[in-house]
Amino acid sequence: MHYLYNFKNTFFCYLLLVISCGNHPSKEKLGELSSNSKEVVRENPGIIVGANKVFSYLPSLKGKKIAIVANQTSVIFKSEYGSESKDEYTHLVDSLLSLNVQIEKVFAPEHGFRGMADAGEHVMDGIDTKTGLSIISLYGKNRKPSKEQLKGIDVVLFDIQDVGVRFYTYIATLQLVMEACADLSIPIIVLDRPNPNANYVDGPTMEKEHLGFLGLTTIPLVYGMTIGEYAEMINEEAWLNDKLKAQLSVIPLENYTHNSNYVLPIRPSPNLPNQQSVKLYPSLGLFEGTNVNAGRGSENQFQRFGASFLDATYFDFDYIPIPNFGSKNPKQLNKTCYGRDLSTIKPPNEVTLKWIIEAYDHSTDKALFFNESGFTKHAGTRKLQQQITAGWNEERIKNAWATDIAKFKSIREKYLRYP
């Protein structure tokens, strides 16, 4: 049976190569994560993403009216993942249209369907110029599909690449889409993709009083699950409104473990341009709740930090943020920022607080440092800011997370599909 599946998958990939030739989005629009295709080949040998297992979900789509939740990462690889050319892929929407699947509309998360909008920028509804499909934003006037928007839809297909950090908003979009589907008894199929930060659980746990779009559930900052595993946790732990349960199916990965060193072939959002930024994001993302720049407005987003009010006599690195792709108005715009360049360090497999503590300790005006509301939303708790300002060291702060992390891990264990 496994041999038969591989034969079918190979045949389907050949079919896609024929029907999609010259019909896939440009590299510029997709936003490549790495310019080195051989790096991707080495790091991701043999991993088959859920989207590529078309024979597992195509029967559930045929003859149905489909809505797809997707962005630029929602692709099918035309040959076995790990081939010599990493840009041999076609967008899921284009591929399914080629197979005569009746797609009615596309729902787009933060950054939009083609992944071009700034972080936090409202995304407008519109029409996809390539396919003519209606694009409905889930990061504009509403973040949950309405009953009217789902009217007549038979199945919702969800396929977005996550990076495994609670305040990365794609998992909030997943939860709200699941709620909308559960409300209307519409089946939802999640196509699983690897989580590049799935090998650990760490960080402060979201507290109930601070729940919001940067954290809809009481989970740690880094939760160590694929998006498919997390969808099953949401469903089975009764985290949907009114304890509803979605008609959920997950198309699993193959040849993947939580310790797979997975390098994303397409940047998941404009300001995560490479593997270094993806691995540092769990730690440097906390700067989003401060007035310190975390590399936005430079070519090394989430690989550096700095601010004009950090001590220039202590920090030996400086840069000037300017408007660029994904950041039209970065923090500390046109100011000389003093801080650290982390673009060549080995990133830690944990949430580390050493850089934010160092930046706070060496701020020339500590009143400028925190955006209190924003930091609480990102951290999920007011305690972290209080601990940093009180002079707690990293070890003491992280010890305070241990009980909550242990509780979460005991729940998480029930939903792990992969070793």
Foldseek 3Di string as FASTA:
>chain_A
DVVVQVVVLQVVLQVCCVLCPVPADDCVLLAFLDPDQQVQLVQDPQKAWLLSSCVVCVVVQPPFEEEEEAASQQWHASHGRSDSDNPRIHHSVVSVVSVVGHYQAYEYEPCGRSQQAAVLDADCWDADPRPRHTYHYLRHPHVADDPVNCPRGQEYEYEAFDQQFLQPQPLVSVQRPQLRCLVVQHEYEYTWDAHQLLQDAAAAFADPVLADSRHPDGGGRGQNAISLLVLVLCQVVQSHPPSGHHNYHYRHMPPDASPRNHWRRTQRHFQSNGPLQSLLCSALVLQQQWLKFQQAQHPNHNQWIWALQFDCVVAPDWDARDADGNPHDTRNHRHITGTDGRNPPDRDSYHFHVRVLVRCVRGNDNVRTGNQSSSCNSNSHSVVVVCSVVPHDRVVVRVVRVVVNVVSVVSSVVRHPHD
